[in-house]
Amino acid sequence: MNILEKAADVTCNARRDNYGHPLDNHGCTADMWVAYIAKRFGVDLQLTALDVCYMMILLKVSRLAHDPTHEDNWVDIAGYARNAEMIYDEIMAMKENDDAP
């Protein structure tokens, strides 16, 4: 199984079953990050579920700088990109139904 197949398997099966749709899960993470940053640094900002995907990809890129051969990081990058696509698709569907966040 290649990297993209592994990422698809993880994002569409096990993790989705455990954590729900990425819009909800990463949206919750975004809210927690916003609260932490506001409390810690007194900075008011907005983060979205998509921002969480982007920053998690950056985390994985940072780890690849240490060891570019570690396949798990590549799988996770593909997974977060897939989550971003799923979030975007859900937001577009919600906009079509006037239910967008």
PDB file of N, CA and C in Angstrom:
ATOM      1  N   MET A   1       0.854  -1.172   0.000  1.00  0.00           N
ATOM      2  CA  MET A   1       0.000   0.000   0.000  1.00  0.00           C
ATOM      3  C   MET A   1       0.905   1.241   0.000  1.00  0.00           C
ATOM      4  N   ASN A   2       0.605   2.187  -0.905  1.00  0.00           N
ATOM      5  CA  ASN A   2       1.442   3.383  -0.965  1.00  0.00           C
ATOM      6  C   ASN A   2       0.962   4.438   0.043  1.00  0.00           C
ATOM      7  N   ILE A   3       1.691   5.543   0.122  1.00  0.00           N
ATOM      8  CA  ILE A   3       1.427   6.586   1.107  1.00  0.00           C
ATOM      9  C   ILE A   3       0.011   7.136   0.981  1.00  0.00           C
ATOM     10  N   LEU A   4      -0.423   7.412  -0.244  1.00  0.00           N
ATOM     11  CA  LEU A   4      -1.761   7.979  -0.430  1.00  0.00           C
ATOM     12  C   LEU A   4      -2.852   6.981  -0.067  1.00  0.00           C
ATOM     13  N   GLU A   5      -2.628   5.730  -0.371  1.00  0.00           N
ATOM     14  CA  GLU A   5      -3.591   4.695  -0.002  1.00  0.00           C
ATOM     15  C   GLU A   5      -3.677   4.553   1.526  1.00  0.00           C
ATOM     16  N   LYS A   6      -2.527   4.605   2.174  1.00  0.00           N
ATOM     17  CA  LYS A   6      -2.522   4.527   3.640  1.00  0.00           C
ATOM     18  C   LYS A   6      -3.258   5.716   4.251  1.00  0.00           C
ATOM     19  N   ALA A   7      -3.013   6.901   3.717  1.00  0.00           N
ATOM     20  CA  ALA A   7      -3.682   8.098   4.234  1.00  0.00           C
ATOM     21  C   ALA A   7      -5.189   8.018   4.012  1.00  0.00           C
ATOM     22  N   ALA A   8      -5.603   7.546   2.850  1.00  0.00           N
ATOM     23  CA  ALA A   8      -7.037   7.408   2.573  1.00  0.00           C
ATOM     24  C   ALA A   8      -7.673   6.401   3.522  1.00  0.00           C
ATOM     25  N   ASP A   9      -6.974   5.320   3.777  1.00  0.00           N
ATOM     26  CA  ASP A   9      -7.502   4.301   4.680  1.00  0.00           C
ATOM     27  C   ASP A   9      -7.681   4.864   6.086  1.00  0.00           C
ATOM     28  N   VAL A  10      -6.702   5.608   6.547  1.00  0.00           N
ATOM     29  CA  VAL A  10      -6.760   6.161   7.900  1.00  0.00           C
ATOM     30  C   VAL A  10      -7.844   7.226   8.012  1.00  0.00           C
ATOM     31  N   THR A  11      -7.912   8.140   7.039  1.00  0.00           N
ATOM     32  CA  THR A  11      -8.851   9.259   7.149  1.00  0.00           C
ATOM     33  C   THR A  11     -10.292   8.848   6.879  1.00  0.00           C
ATOM     34  N   CYS A  12     -10.479   7.792   6.144  1.00  0.00           N
ATOM     35  CA  CYS A  12     -11.851   7.390   5.793  1.00  0.00           C
ATOM     36  C   CYS A  12     -12.376   6.244   6.649  1.00  0.00           C
ATOM     37  N   ASN A  13     -11.544   5.652   7.459  1.00  0.00           N
ATOM     38  CA  ASN A  13     -11.989   4.506   8.245  1.00  0.00           C
ATOM     39  C   ASN A  13     -11.738   4.709   9.733  1.00  0.00           C
ATOM     40  N   ALA A  14     -10.605   4.265  10.217  1.00  0.00           N
ATOM     41  CA  ALA A  14     -10.334   4.224  11.660  1.00  0.00           C
ATOM     42  C   ALA A  14     -10.458   5.587  12.324  1.00  0.00           C
ATOM     43  N   ARG A  15      -9.770   6.591  11.826  1.00  0.00           N
ATOM     44  CA  ARG A  15      -9.799   7.903  12.486  1.00  0.00           C
ATOM     45  C   ARG A  15     -11.168   8.543  12.360  1.00  0.00           C
ATOM     46  N   ARG A  16     -11.798   8.361  11.227  1.00  0.00           N
ATOM     47  CA  ARG A  16     -13.141   8.939  11.058  1.00  0.00           C
ATOM     48  C   ARG A  16     -14.101   8.292  12.053  1.00  0.00           C
ATOM     49  N   ASP A  17     -13.964   6.982  12.238  1.00  0.00           N
ATOM     50  CA  ASP A  17     -14.821   6.293  13.207  1.00  0.00           C
ATOM     51  C   ASP A  17     -14.546   6.784  14.631  1.00  0.00           C
ATOM     52  N   ASN A  18     -13.280   7.034  14.940  1.00  0.00           N
ATOM     53  CA  ASN A  18     -12.897   7.447  16.292  1.00  0.00           C
ATOM     54  C   ASN A  18     -13.196   8.913  16.593  1.00  0.00           C
ATOM     55  N   TYR A  19     -12.986   9.793  15.600  1.00  0.00           N
ATOM     56  CA  TYR A  19     -13.015  11.227  15.873  1.00  0.00           C
ATOM     57  C   TYR A  19     -14.109  11.998  15.140  1.00  0.00           C
ATOM     58  N   GLY A  20     -14.848  11.346  14.268  1.00  0.00           N
ATOM     59  CA  GLY A  20     -15.885  12.034  13.516  1.00  0.00           C
ATOM     60  C   GLY A  20     -15.332  12.770  12.313  1.00  0.00           C
ATOM     61  N   HIS A  21     -16.171  13.590  11.723  1.00  0.00           N
ATOM     62  CA  HIS A  21     -15.774  14.340  10.531  1.00  0.00           C
ATOM     63  C   HIS A  21     -14.688  15.345  10.897  1.00  0.00           C
ATOM     64  N   PRO A  22     -13.698  15.536  10.028  1.00  0.00           N
ATOM     65  CA  PRO A  22     -12.609  16.474  10.342  1.00  0.00           C
ATOM     66  C   PRO A  22     -13.076  17.909  10.586  1.00  0.00           C
ATOM     67  N   LEU A  23     -14.193  18.316   9.984  1.00  0.00           N
ATOM     68  CA  LEU A  23     -14.688  19.666  10.250  1.00  0.00           C
ATOM     69  C   LEU A  23     -15.004  19.827  11.729  1.00  0.00           C
ATOM     70  N   ASP A  24     -15.611  18.827  12.312  1.00  0.00           N
ATOM     71  CA  ASP A  24     -15.947  18.879  13.739  1.00  0.00           C
ATOM     72  C   ASP A  24     -14.710  18.708  14.614  1.00  0.00           C
ATOM     73  N   ASN A  25     -13.915  17.691  14.317  1.00  0.00           N
ATOM     74  CA  ASN A  25     -12.749  17.394  15.146  1.00  0.00           C
ATOM     75  C   ASN A  25     -11.716  18.512  15.090  1.00  0.00           C
ATOM     76  N   HIS A  26     -11.351  18.932  13.881  1.00  0.00           N
ATOM     77  CA  HIS A  26     -10.345  19.998  13.759  1.00  0.00           C
ATOM     78  C   HIS A  26     -10.923  21.348  14.164  1.00  0.00           C
ATOM     79  N   GLY A  27     -12.235  21.512  14.029  1.00  0.00           N
ATOM     80  CA  GLY A  27     -12.870  22.727  14.529  1.00  0.00           C
ATOM     81  C   GLY A  27     -12.743  22.834  16.038  1.00  0.00           C
ATOM     82  N   CYS A  28     -12.895  21.715  16.723  1.00  0.00           N
ATOM     83  CA  CYS A  28     -12.714  21.673  18.173  1.00  0.00           C
ATOM     84  C   CYS A  28     -11.267  22.008  18.537  1.00  0.00           C
ATOM     85  N   THR A  29     -10.325  21.437  17.804  1.00  0.00           N
ATOM     86  CA  THR A  29      -8.906  21.734  18.038  1.00  0.00           C
ATOM     87  C   THR A  29      -8.634  23.218  17.826  1.00  0.00           C
ATOM     88  N   ALA A  30      -9.188  23.791  16.765  1.00  0.00           N
ATOM     89  CA  ALA A  30      -9.005  25.222  16.493  1.00  0.00           C
ATOM     90  C   ALA A  30      -9.517  26.061  17.658  1.00  0.00           C
ATOM     91  N   ASP A  31     -10.689  25.713  18.164  1.00  0.00           N
ATOM     92  CA  ASP A  31     -11.251  26.455  19.306  1.00  0.00           C
ATOM     93  C   ASP A  31     -10.340  26.366  20.525  1.00  0.00           C
ATOM     94  N   MET A  32      -9.774  25.201  20.773  1.00  0.00           N
ATOM     95  CA  MET A  32      -8.879  25.027  21.922  1.00  0.00           C
ATOM     96  C   MET A  32      -7.590  25.814  21.740  1.00  0.00           C
ATOM     97  N   TRP A  33      -7.049  25.814  20.533  1.00  0.00           N
ATOM     98  CA  TRP A  33      -5.843  26.587  20.273  1.00  0.00           C
ATOM     99  C   TRP A  33      -6.101  28.077  20.462  1.00  0.00           C
ATOM    100  N   VAL A  34      -7.240  28.559  19.970  1.00  0.00           N
ATOM    101  CA  VAL A  34      -7.603  29.971  20.116  1.00  0.00           C
ATOM    102  C   VAL A  34      -7.697  30.333  21.597  1.00  0.00           C
ATOM    103  N   ALA A  35      -8.355  29.487  22.379  1.00  0.00           N
ATOM    104  CA  ALA A  35      -8.495  29.755  23.818  1.00  0.00           C
ATOM    105  C   ALA A  35      -7.134  29.765  24.504  1.00  0.00           C
ATOM    106  N   TYR A  36      -6.275  28.829  24.157  1.00  0.00           N
ATOM    107  CA  TYR A  36      -4.948  28.764  24.767  1.00  0.00           C
ATOM    108  C   TYR A  36      -4.138  30.013  24.418  1.00  0.00           C
ATOM    109  N   ILE A  37      -4.114  30.369  23.151  1.00  0.00           N
ATOM    110  CA  ILE A  37      -3.330  31.530  22.706  1.00  0.00           C
ATOM    111  C   ILE A  37      -3.868  32.813  23.347  1.00  0.00           C
ATOM    112  N   ALA A  38      -5.197  32.925  23.448  1.00  0.00           N
ATOM    113  CA  ALA A  38      -5.794  34.108  24.086  1.00  0.00           C
ATOM    114  C   ALA A  38      -5.384  34.195  25.552  1.00  0.00           C
ATOM    115  N   LYS A  39      -5.444  33.091  26.248  1.00  0.00           N
ATOM    116  CA  LYS A  39      -5.092  33.078  27.678  1.00  0.00           C
ATOM    117  C   LYS A  39      -3.590  33.291  27.879  1.00  0.00           C
ATOM    118  N   ARG A  40      -2.808  32.606  27.103  1.00  0.00           N
ATOM    119  CA  ARG A  40      -1.352  32.624  27.273  1.00  0.00           C
ATOM    120  C   ARG A  40      -0.706  33.927  26.821  1.00  0.00           C
ATOM    121  N   PHE A  41      -1.181  34.451  25.674  1.00  0.00           N
ATOM    122  CA  PHE A  41      -0.511  35.592  25.071  1.00  0.00           C
ATOM    123  C   PHE A  41      -1.395  36.838  24.953  1.00  0.00           C
ATOM    124  N   GLY A  42      -2.666  36.707  25.317  1.00  0.00           N
ATOM    125  CA  GLY A  42      -3.571  37.844  25.206  1.00  0.00           C
ATOM    126  C   GLY A  42      -3.848  38.250  23.774  1.00  0.00           C
ATOM    127  N   VAL A  43      -3.739  37.297  22.856  1.00  0.00           N
ATOM    128  CA  VAL A  43      -3.941  37.569  21.435  1.00  0.00           C
ATOM    129  C   VAL A  43      -5.288  36.995  21.015  1.00  0.00           C
ATOM    130  N   ASP A  44      -6.087  37.833  20.388  1.00  0.00           N
ATOM    131  CA  ASP A  44      -7.392  37.400  19.884  1.00  0.00           C
ATOM    132  C   ASP A  44      -7.244  37.093  18.394  1.00  0.00           C
ATOM    133  N   LEU A  45      -7.461  35.866  18.023  1.00  0.00           N
ATOM    134  CA  LEU A  45      -7.361  35.488  16.622  1.00  0.00           C
ATOM    135  C   LEU A  45      -8.429  34.479  16.290  1.00  0.00           C
ATOM    136  N   GLN A  46      -8.589  34.246  15.020  1.00  0.00           N
ATOM    137  CA  GLN A  46      -9.533  33.244  14.559  1.00  0.00           C
ATOM    138  C   GLN A  46      -8.769  32.147  13.847  1.00  0.00           C
ATOM    139  N   LEU A  47      -9.069  30.923  14.205  1.00  0.00           N
ATOM    140  CA  LEU A  47      -8.527  29.762  13.507  1.00  0.00           C
ATOM    141  C   LEU A  47      -9.691  28.877  13.108  1.00  0.00           C
ATOM    142  N   THR A  48      -9.524  28.192  12.011  1.00  0.00           N
ATOM    143  CA  THR A  48     -10.562  27.300  11.513  1.00  0.00           C
ATOM    144  C   THR A  48     -10.047  25.864  11.482  1.00  0.00           C
ATOM    145  N   ALA A  49     -10.937  24.971  11.183  1.00  0.00           N
ATOM    146  CA  ALA A  49     -10.550  23.575  11.005  1.00  0.00           C
ATOM    147  C   ALA A  49      -9.508  23.442   9.896  1.00  0.00           C
ATOM    148  N   LEU A  50      -9.628  24.242   8.852  1.00  0.00           N
ATOM    149  CA  LEU A  50      -8.634  24.208   7.776  1.00  0.00           C
ATOM    150  C   LEU A  50      -7.268  24.673   8.279  1.00  0.00           C
ATOM    151  N   ASP A  51      -7.247  25.710   9.113  1.00  0.00           N
ATOM    152  CA  ASP A  51      -5.976  26.169   9.688  1.00  0.00           C
ATOM    153  C   ASP A  51      -5.290  25.052  10.467  1.00  0.00           C
ATOM    154  N   VAL A  52      -6.078  24.260  11.187  1.00  0.00           N
ATOM    155  CA  VAL A  52      -5.504  23.135  11.928  1.00  0.00           C
ATOM    156  C   VAL A  52      -4.835  22.171  10.959  1.00  0.00           C
ATOM    157  N   CYS A  53      -5.478  21.860   9.861  1.00  0.00           N
ATOM    158  CA  CYS A  53      -4.856  20.972   8.861  1.00  0.00           C
ATOM    159  C   CYS A  53      -3.545  21.554   8.361  1.00  0.00           C
ATOM    160  N   TYR A  54      -3.556  22.835   8.018  1.00  0.00           N
ATOM    161  CA  TYR A  54      -2.343  23.471   7.491  1.00  0.00           C
ATOM    162  C   TYR A  54      -1.208  23.437   8.521  1.00  0.00           C
ATOM    163  N   MET A  55      -1.535  23.745   9.768  1.00  0.00           N
ATOM    164  CA  MET A  55      -0.485  23.776  10.791  1.00  0.00           C
ATOM    165  C   MET A  55       0.015  22.377  11.141  1.00  0.00           C
ATOM    166  N   MET A  56      -0.865  21.400  11.081  1.00  0.00           N
ATOM    167  CA  MET A  56      -0.415  20.034  11.337  1.00  0.00           C
ATOM    168  C   MET A  56       0.492  19.550  10.204  1.00  0.00           C
ATOM    169  N   ILE A  57       0.204  19.971   8.978  1.00  0.00           N
ATOM    170  CA  ILE A  57       1.102  19.654   7.863  1.00  0.00           C
ATOM    171  C   ILE A  57       2.467  20.290   8.123  1.00  0.00           C
ATOM    172  N   LEU A  58       2.475  21.544   8.600  1.00  0.00           N
ATOM    173  CA  LEU A  58       3.753  22.203   8.912  1.00  0.00           C
ATOM    174  C   LEU A  58       4.509  21.468  10.010  1.00  0.00           C
ATOM    175  N   LEU A  59       3.789  20.965  11.016  1.00  0.00           N
ATOM    176  CA  LEU A  59       4.429  20.166  12.067  1.00  0.00           C
ATOM    177  C   LEU A  59       5.119  18.948  11.456  1.00  0.00           C
ATOM    178  N   LYS A  60       4.431  18.287  10.548  1.00  0.00           N
ATOM    179  CA  LYS A  60       5.000  17.086   9.926  1.00  0.00           C
ATOM    180  C   LYS A  60       6.197  17.445   9.036  1.00  0.00           C
ATOM    181  N   VAL A  61       6.133  18.586   8.368  1.00  0.00           N
ATOM    182  CA  VAL A  61       7.281  19.042   7.568  1.00  0.00           C
ATOM    183  C   VAL A  61       8.472  19.310   8.481  1.00  0.00           C
ATOM    184  N   SER A  62       8.217  19.906   9.638  1.00  0.00           N
ATOM    185  CA  SER A  62       9.282  20.143  10.612  1.00  0.00           C
ATOM    186  C   SER A  62       9.939  18.830  11.024  1.00  0.00           C
ATOM    187  N   ARG A  63       9.130  17.814  11.244  1.00  0.00           N
ATOM    188  CA  ARG A  63       9.685  16.515  11.614  1.00  0.00           C
ATOM    189  C   ARG A  63      10.462  15.898  10.464  1.00  0.00           C
ATOM    190  N   LEU A  64      10.007  16.122   9.237  1.00  0.00           N
ATOM    191  CA  LEU A  64      10.736  15.596   8.075  1.00  0.00           C
ATOM    192  C   LEU A  64      12.106  16.253   7.925  1.00  0.00           C
ATOM    193  N   ALA A  65      12.241  17.478   8.410  1.00  0.00           N
ATOM    194  CA  ALA A  65      13.549  18.134   8.363  1.00  0.00           C
ATOM    195  C   ALA A  65      14.565  17.358   9.187  1.00  0.00           C
ATOM    196  N   HIS A  66      14.079  16.682  10.211  1.00  0.00           N
ATOM    197  CA  HIS A  66      14.945  15.850  11.053  1.00  0.00           C
ATOM    198  C   HIS A  66      15.208  14.485  10.408  1.00  0.00           C
ATOM    199  N   ASP A  67      14.161  13.899   9.850  1.00  0.00           N
ATOM    200  CA  ASP A  67      14.293  12.572   9.235  1.00  0.00           C
ATOM    201  C   ASP A  67      13.334  12.451   8.051  1.00  0.00           C
ATOM    202  N   PRO A  68      13.822  12.799   6.848  1.00  0.00           N
ATOM    203  CA  PRO A  68      12.945  12.775   5.673  1.00  0.00           C
ATOM    204  C   PRO A  68      12.549  11.371   5.216  1.00  0.00           C
ATOM    205  N   THR A  69      13.084  10.360   5.840  1.00  0.00           N
ATOM    206  CA  THR A  69      12.757   8.989   5.431  1.00  0.00           C
ATOM    207  C   THR A  69      11.647   8.369   6.279  1.00  0.00           C
ATOM    208  N   HIS A  70      11.205   9.075   7.306  1.00  0.00           N
ATOM    209  CA  HIS A  70      10.181   8.518   8.197  1.00  0.00           C
ATOM    210  C   HIS A  70       8.820   8.564   7.497  1.00  0.00           C
ATOM    211  N   GLU A  71       8.373   7.427   7.020  1.00  0.00           N
ATOM    212  CA  GLU A  71       7.167   7.358   6.182  1.00  0.00           C
ATOM    213  C   GLU A  71       5.912   7.855   6.881  1.00  0.00           C
ATOM    214  N   ASP A  72       5.810   7.648   8.171  1.00  0.00           N
ATOM    215  CA  ASP A  72       4.610   8.047   8.904  1.00  0.00           C
ATOM    216  C   ASP A  72       4.309   9.533   8.724  1.00  0.00           C
ATOM    217  N   ASN A  73       5.346  10.367   8.682  1.00  0.00           N
ATOM    218  CA  ASN A  73       5.127  11.799   8.477  1.00  0.00           C
ATOM    219  C   ASN A  73       4.534  12.077   7.108  1.00  0.00           C
ATOM    220  N   TRP A  74       4.992  11.363   6.097  1.00  0.00           N
ATOM    221  CA  TRP A  74       4.445  11.517   4.749  1.00  0.00           C
ATOM    222  C   TRP A  74       2.985  11.075   4.700  1.00  0.00           C
ATOM    223  N   VAL A  75       2.685   9.991   5.356  1.00  0.00           N
ATOM    224  CA  VAL A  75       1.294   9.512   5.417  1.00  0.00           C
ATOM    225  C   VAL A  75       0.422  10.550   6.118  1.00  0.00           C
ATOM    226  N   ASP A  76       0.917  11.101   7.219  1.00  0.00           N
ATOM    227  CA  ASP A  76       0.148  12.099   7.955  1.00  0.00           C
ATOM    228  C   ASP A  76      -0.073  13.367   7.137  1.00  0.00           C
ATOM    229  N   ILE A  77       0.937  13.806   6.387  1.00  0.00           N
ATOM    230  CA  ILE A  77       0.776  14.984   5.519  1.00  0.00           C
ATOM    231  C   ILE A  77      -0.336  14.733   4.513  1.00  0.00           C
ATOM    232  N   ALA A  78      -0.310  13.584   3.887  1.00  0.00           N
ATOM    233  CA  ALA A  78      -1.364  13.240   2.924  1.00  0.00           C
ATOM    234  C   ALA A  78      -2.720  13.167   3.626  1.00  0.00           C
ATOM    235  N   GLY A  79      -2.733  12.630   4.837  1.00  0.00           N
ATOM    236  CA  GLY A  79      -3.969  12.543   5.600  1.00  0.00           C
ATOM    237  C   GLY A  79      -4.537  13.910   5.947  1.00  0.00           C
ATOM    238  N   TYR A  80      -3.677  14.825   6.376  1.00  0.00           N
ATOM    239  CA  TYR A  80      -4.156  16.172   6.694  1.00  0.00           C
ATOM    240  C   TYR A  80      -4.616  16.906   5.435  1.00  0.00           C
ATOM    241  N   ALA A  81      -3.956  16.657   4.312  1.00  0.00           N
ATOM    242  CA  ALA A  81      -4.420  17.238   3.045  1.00  0.00           C
ATOM    243  C   ALA A  81      -5.795  16.671   2.691  1.00  0.00           C
ATOM    244  N   ARG A  82      -5.987  15.387   2.899  1.00  0.00           N
ATOM    245  CA  ARG A  82      -7.295  14.766   2.650  1.00  0.00           C
ATOM    246  C   ARG A  82      -8.340  15.344   3.608  1.00  0.00           C
ATOM    247  N   ASN A  83      -7.979  15.535   4.874  1.00  0.00           N
ATOM    248  CA  ASN A  83      -8.912  16.148   5.814  1.00  0.00           C
ATOM    249  C   ASN A  83      -9.303  17.550   5.358  1.00  0.00           C
ATOM    250  N   ALA A  84      -8.339  18.323   4.868  1.00  0.00           N
ATOM    251  CA  ALA A  84      -8.631  19.673   4.375  1.00  0.00           C
ATOM    252  C   ALA A  84      -9.626  19.608   3.217  1.00  0.00           C
ATOM    253  N   GLU A  85      -9.439  18.657   2.330  1.00  0.00           N
ATOM    254  CA  GLU A  85     -10.374  18.494   1.215  1.00  0.00           C
ATOM    255  C   GLU A  85     -11.773  18.146   1.736  1.00  0.00           C
ATOM    256  N   MET A  86     -11.848  17.250   2.701  1.00  0.00           N
ATOM    257  CA  MET A  86     -13.136  16.852   3.273  1.00  0.00           C
ATOM    258  C   MET A  86     -13.819  18.041   3.962  1.00  0.00           C
ATOM    259  N   ILE A  87     -13.040  18.854   4.659  1.00  0.00           N
ATOM    260  CA  ILE A  87     -13.581  20.040   5.323  1.00  0.00           C
ATOM    261  C   ILE A  87     -14.114  21.017   4.291  1.00  0.00           C
ATOM    262  N   TYR A  88     -13.310  21.283   3.277  1.00  0.00           N
ATOM    263  CA  TYR A  88     -13.731  22.208   2.218  1.00  0.00           C
ATOM    264  C   TYR A  88     -15.009  21.714   1.547  1.00  0.00           C
ATOM    265  N   ASP A  89     -15.061  20.428   1.218  1.00  0.00           N
ATOM    266  CA  ASP A  89     -16.255  19.864   0.581  1.00  0.00           C
ATOM    267  C   ASP A  89     -17.488  20.022   1.472  1.00  0.00           C
ATOM    268  N   GLU A  90     -17.315  19.788   2.775  1.00  0.00           N
ATOM    269  CA  GLU A  90     -18.432  19.914   3.714  1.00  0.00           C
ATOM    270  C   GLU A  90     -18.900  21.369   3.817  1.00  0.00           C
ATOM    271  N   ILE A  91     -17.955  22.301   3.855  1.00  0.00           N
ATOM    272  CA  ILE A  91     -18.307  23.721   3.915  1.00  0.00           C
ATOM    273  C   ILE A  91     -19.058  24.135   2.651  1.00  0.00           C
ATOM    274  N   MET A  92     -18.601  23.671   1.496  1.00  0.00           N
ATOM    275  CA  MET A  92     -19.276  24.001   0.236  1.00  0.00           C
ATOM    276  C   MET A  92     -20.690  23.415   0.206  1.00  0.00           C
ATOM    277  N   ALA A  93     -20.842  22.198   0.696  1.00  0.00           N
ATOM    278  CA  ALA A  93     -22.172  21.577   0.747  1.00  0.00           C
ATOM    279  C   ALA A  93     -23.084  22.355   1.691  1.00  0.00           C
ATOM    280  N   MET A  94     -22.529  22.797   2.809  1.00  0.00           N
ATOM    281  CA  MET A  94     -23.315  23.573   3.775  1.00  0.00           C
ATOM    282  C   MET A  94     -23.725  24.920   3.170  1.00  0.00           C
ATOM    283  N   LYS A  95     -22.843  25.539   2.408  1.00  0.00           N
ATOM    284  CA  LYS A  95     -23.164  26.818   1.772  1.00  0.00           C
ATOM    285  C   LYS A  95     -24.298  26.645   0.776  1.00  0.00           C
ATOM    286  N   GLU A  96     -24.284  25.541   0.061  1.00  0.00           N
ATOM    287  CA  GLU A  96     -25.360  25.284  -0.893  1.00  0.00           C
ATOM    288  C   GLU A  96     -26.695  25.160  -0.178  1.00  0.00           C
ATOM    289  N   ASN A  97     -26.673  24.697   1.061  1.00  0.00           N
ATOM    290  CA  ASN A  97     -27.903  24.538   1.859  1.00  0.00           C
ATOM    291  C   ASN A  97     -28.094  25.676   2.851  1.00  0.00           C
ATOM    292  N   ASP A  98     -27.283  26.732   2.726  1.00  0.00           N
ATOM    293  CA  ASP A  98     -27.331  27.879   3.644  1.00  0.00           C
ATOM    294  C   ASP A  98     -27.107  27.497   5.103  1.00  0.00           C
ATOM    295  N   ASP A  99     -26.253  26.479   5.333  1.00  0.00           N
ATOM    296  CA  ASP A  99     -25.932  26.022   6.693  1.00  0.00           C
ATOM    297  C   ASP A  99     -24.471  26.236   7.040  1.00  0.00           C
ATOM    298  N   ALA A 100     -23.738  27.032   6.269  1.00  0.00           N
ATOM    299  CA  ALA A 100     -22.287  27.176   6.458  1.00  0.00           C
ATOM    300  C   ALA A 100     -21.969  27.802   7.796  1.00  0.00           C
ATOM    301  N   PRO A 101     -20.845  27.352   8.406  1.00  0.00           N
ATOM    302  CA  PRO A 101     -20.427  27.933   9.695  1.00  0.00           C
ATOM    303  C   PRO A 101     -19.939  29.364   9.546  1.00  0.00           C
TER     304      PRO A 101
END
